[in-house]
Protein backbone atom coordinates (compact mmCIF):
# COMPACT_ATOMS: atom_id res chain seq x y z
CA MET A 1 -1.03 11.16 -26.30
CA ALA A 2 -0.89 7.47 -25.11
CA LYS A 3 -0.35 6.55 -21.48
CA LYS A 4 2.89 5.24 -20.39
CA ASN A 5 1.37 1.81 -19.33
CA ALA A 6 -1.16 1.52 -22.46
CA GLY A 7 -2.40 -2.08 -22.74
CA LYS A 8 -1.01 -3.12 -19.25
CA SER A 9 -3.16 -3.34 -16.34
CA LYS A 10 -1.88 -2.16 -12.82
CA ARG A 11 -1.16 -4.50 -10.28
CA LEU A 12 -0.79 -3.86 -6.56
CA TYR A 13 2.32 -5.55 -5.07
CA LEU A 14 4.09 -5.27 -1.63
CA SER A 15 6.86 -2.87 -2.19
CA ARG A 16 10.38 -3.87 -1.92
CA ARG A 17 11.87 -0.28 -2.12
CA GLU A 18 9.48 1.51 0.10
CA ARG A 19 9.46 -0.92 3.01
CA LYS A 20 9.19 -0.17 6.88
CA VAL A 21 7.40 -3.07 8.14
CA ALA A 22 5.99 -5.43 5.57
CA GLY A 23 5.65 -2.95 2.51
CA VAL A 24 1.95 -2.59 2.32
CA CYS A 25 1.72 1.26 2.55
CA GLY A 26 4.81 1.41 0.06
CA GLY A 27 3.01 -0.84 -2.30
CA ILE A 28 -0.18 1.14 -2.09
CA ALA A 29 1.84 4.31 -2.75
CA GLU A 30 3.52 2.66 -5.76
CA TYR A 31 0.02 1.63 -7.08
CA ALA A 32 -1.38 4.87 -6.63
CA GLU A 33 1.54 6.84 -7.55
CA ALA A 34 1.36 8.64 -4.25
CA ASP A 35 4.11 9.79 -1.74
CA PRO A 36 4.42 6.49 0.77
CA THR A 37 4.75 9.11 3.69
CA VAL A 38 1.25 10.28 2.93
CA ILE A 39 -0.25 7.00 2.62
CA ARG A 40 1.55 5.88 6.11
CA LEU A 41 0.08 8.98 7.69
CA LEU A 42 -3.39 8.06 6.54
CA PHE A 43 -3.12 4.73 7.62
CA ILE A 44 -2.24 5.95 11.09
CA LEU A 45 -5.13 8.12 11.04
CA PHE A 46 -7.18 5.27 10.11
CA ALA A 47 -6.04 3.19 12.61
CA LEU A 48 -6.53 5.87 15.32
CA MET A 49 -10.05 6.40 14.08
CA THR A 50 -11.02 2.62 14.37
CA ALA A 51 -9.47 2.45 18.03
CA VAL A 52 -6.26 0.86 16.32
CA VAL A 53 -7.95 -2.85 16.16
CA GLY A 54 -9.34 -1.82 12.74
CA GLY A 55 -6.42 -0.41 11.22
CA VAL A 56 -3.95 -3.35 12.69
CA PHE A 57 -6.55 -5.86 11.42
CA PHE A 58 -6.53 -4.06 7.80
CA TYR A 59 -2.68 -3.86 7.70
CA LEU A 60 -2.19 -7.71 8.83
CA LEU A 61 -5.04 -8.87 5.95
CA ALA A 62 -3.24 -6.83 3.14
CA TRP A 63 -0.04 -8.35 4.07
CA ALA A 64 -1.41 -11.66 3.93
CA VAL A 65 -3.55 -11.05 0.76
CA MET A 66 -0.95 -8.57 -1.44
CA PRO A 67 1.64 -10.73 -3.46
CA SER A 68 5.28 -9.67 -3.46
CA LYS A 69 6.74 -8.93 -6.66
CA ASP A 70 9.40 -11.61 -7.37
């Protein structure tokens, strides 16, 4: 059975549909084919475990690096 995206590589983009702030968590969820709410909750947990600074730094870095899908 052939995969739906056979021959195409997956790309990570900022989400345009699942956007709350910048679309980082939504984009990761679309890439991983997961629920965006779960990704957001995991991000919040990560941010709290790293005393918020690490989580905010990661989010800002991902926002700066991830391209938008235009």
